[in-house]
Amino acid sequence: MDLEFAIQCAVISTCKIFDINNDLNEIEITTLIRATFNDGIRITLPQLLKWASSTEEVKAYFSFFRMDGPEMISI
């Protein structure tokens, strides 16, 4: 739930920064996260970055906003 909330906040904030009026699809985020990570497990930053850099939806998000994606971050 924490990861879902964090992603929702990031999407909402990015839309506000770029002045995009877009309704957030919370169900889509929940489905994506729950299909990838088991409920109740601790997700480390390296796991999150690996997932984000290989997930097409996340790549599309960063591409849309012309931002460097998570694959650019080294730990």
C-alpha atoms as a PDB file:
ATOM      1  CA  MET A   1       0.000   0.000   0.000  1.00  0.00           C
ATOM      2  CA  ASP A   2       2.880   2.360   0.743  1.00  0.00           C
ATOM      3  CA  LEU A   3       4.369   1.849  -2.704  1.00  0.00           C
ATOM      4  CA  GLU A   4       0.988   2.366  -4.359  1.00  0.00           C
ATOM      5  CA  PHE A   5       0.529   5.604  -2.420  1.00  0.00           C
ATOM      6  CA  ALA A   6       4.038   6.812  -3.308  1.00  0.00           C
ATOM      7  CA  ILE A   7       3.473   6.179  -7.003  1.00  0.00           C
ATOM      8  CA  GLN A   8       0.094   7.907  -6.898  1.00  0.00           C
ATOM      9  CA  CYS A   9       1.685  10.944  -5.249  1.00  0.00           C
ATOM     10  CA  ALA A  10       4.479  11.012  -7.837  1.00  0.00           C
ATOM     11  CA  VAL A  11       2.030  10.849 -10.735  1.00  0.00           C
ATOM     12  CA  ILE A  12      -0.251  13.525  -9.279  1.00  0.00           C
ATOM     13  CA  SER A  13       2.703  15.810  -8.527  1.00  0.00           C
ATOM     14  CA  THR A  14       4.199  15.378 -11.980  1.00  0.00           C
ATOM     15  CA  CYS A  15       0.876  16.189 -13.629  1.00  0.00           C
ATOM     16  CA  LYS A  16       0.581  19.344 -11.515  1.00  0.00           C
ATOM     17  CA  ILE A  17       4.157  20.414 -12.307  1.00  0.00           C
ATOM     18  CA  PHE A  18       3.598  19.959 -16.040  1.00  0.00           C
ATOM     19  CA  ASP A  19       0.075  21.446 -15.853  1.00  0.00           C
ATOM     20  CA  ILE A  20      -1.612  18.314 -17.174  1.00  0.00           C
ATOM     21  CA  ASN A  21      -5.231  17.831 -16.196  1.00  0.00           C
ATOM     22  CA  ASN A  22      -5.432  14.054 -16.025  1.00  0.00           C
ATOM     23  CA  ASP A  23      -7.544  11.834 -13.826  1.00  0.00           C
ATOM     24  CA  LEU A  24      -5.429   9.305 -11.981  1.00  0.00           C
ATOM     25  CA  ASN A  25      -6.373   5.684 -12.512  1.00  0.00           C
ATOM     26  CA  GLU A  26      -5.697   4.268  -9.049  1.00  0.00           C
ATOM     27  CA  ILE A  27      -6.929   0.808 -10.040  1.00  0.00           C
ATOM     28  CA  GLU A  28      -4.326   0.591 -12.797  1.00  0.00           C
ATOM     29  CA  ILE A  29      -1.521   1.467 -10.358  1.00  0.00           C
ATOM     30  CA  THR A  30      -2.814  -0.988  -7.758  1.00  0.00           C
ATOM     31  CA  THR A  31      -3.089  -3.769 -10.337  1.00  0.00           C
ATOM     32  CA  LEU A  32       0.430  -3.123 -11.641  1.00  0.00           C
ATOM     33  CA  ILE A  33       2.013  -3.127  -8.179  1.00  0.00           C
ATOM     34  CA  ARG A  34       0.096  -6.109  -6.814  1.00  0.00           C
ATOM     35  CA  ALA A  35       0.844  -8.176  -9.912  1.00  0.00           C
ATOM     36  CA  THR A  36       4.553  -7.548  -9.424  1.00  0.00           C
ATOM     37  CA  PHE A  37       5.181  -7.582  -5.676  1.00  0.00           C
ATOM     38  CA  ASN A  38       3.851  -9.956  -3.033  1.00  0.00           C
ATOM     39  CA  ASP A  39       1.681  -8.393  -0.352  1.00  0.00           C
ATOM     40  CA  GLY A  40       3.451  -7.582   2.891  1.00  0.00           C
ATOM     41  CA  ILE A  41       7.042  -8.020   1.724  1.00  0.00           C
ATOM     42  CA  ARG A  42       9.702  -5.382   2.125  1.00  0.00           C
ATOM     43  CA  ILE A  43      10.771  -3.907  -1.217  1.00  0.00           C
ATOM     44  CA  THR A  44      14.314  -2.586  -1.368  1.00  0.00           C
ATOM     45  CA  LEU A  45      15.433   0.347  -3.491  1.00  0.00           C
ATOM     46  CA  PRO A  46      17.486  -1.874  -5.826  1.00  0.00           C
ATOM     47  CA  GLN A  47      14.432  -4.117  -6.365  1.00  0.00           C
ATOM     48  CA  LEU A  48      12.256  -1.097  -7.092  1.00  0.00           C
ATOM     49  CA  LEU A  49      14.750   0.406  -9.536  1.00  0.00           C
ATOM     50  CA  LYS A  50      15.217  -2.911 -11.337  1.00  0.00           C
ATOM     51  CA  TRP A  51      11.448  -3.318 -11.663  1.00  0.00           C
ATOM     52  CA  ALA A  52      10.919   0.286 -12.766  1.00  0.00           C
ATOM     53  CA  SER A  53      13.660   0.150 -15.408  1.00  0.00           C
ATOM     54  CA  SER A  54      12.182  -2.980 -16.994  1.00  0.00           C
ATOM     55  CA  THR A  55       8.451  -2.139 -16.857  1.00  0.00           C
ATOM     56  CA  GLU A  56       6.988  -0.674 -20.041  1.00  0.00           C
ATOM     57  CA  GLU A  57       4.411   1.464 -18.198  1.00  0.00           C
ATOM     58  CA  VAL A  58       7.128   3.115 -16.120  1.00  0.00           C
ATOM     59  CA  LYS A  59       9.340   3.642 -19.158  1.00  0.00           C
ATOM     60  CA  ALA A  60       6.416   5.259 -20.992  1.00  0.00           C
ATOM     61  CA  TYR A  61       5.808   7.588 -18.027  1.00  0.00           C
ATOM     62  CA  PHE A  62       9.409   8.833 -18.017  1.00  0.00           C
ATOM     63  CA  SER A  63       9.477   9.067 -21.802  1.00  0.00           C
ATOM     64  CA  PHE A  64       6.256  11.112 -21.883  1.00  0.00           C
ATOM     65  CA  PHE A  65       7.752  13.697 -19.549  1.00  0.00           C
ATOM     66  CA  ARG A  66      11.182  13.514 -21.225  1.00  0.00           C
ATOM     67  CA  MET A  67      12.812  12.600 -17.924  1.00  0.00           C
ATOM     68  CA  ASP A  68      15.737  10.276 -17.216  1.00  0.00           C
ATOM     69  CA  GLY A  69      14.353   6.925 -16.163  1.00  0.00           C
ATOM     70  CA  PRO A  70      15.342   4.764 -13.222  1.00  0.00           C
ATOM     71  CA  GLU A  71      17.883   2.906 -15.346  1.00  0.00           C
ATOM     72  CA  MET A  72      20.035   6.049 -15.092  1.00  0.00           C
ATOM     73  CA  ILE A  73      20.364   5.678 -11.306  1.00  0.00           C
ATOM     74  CA  SER A  74      23.207   3.642  -9.896  1.00  0.00           C
ATOM     75  CA  ILE A  75      23.298   2.282  -6.382  1.00  0.00           C
END
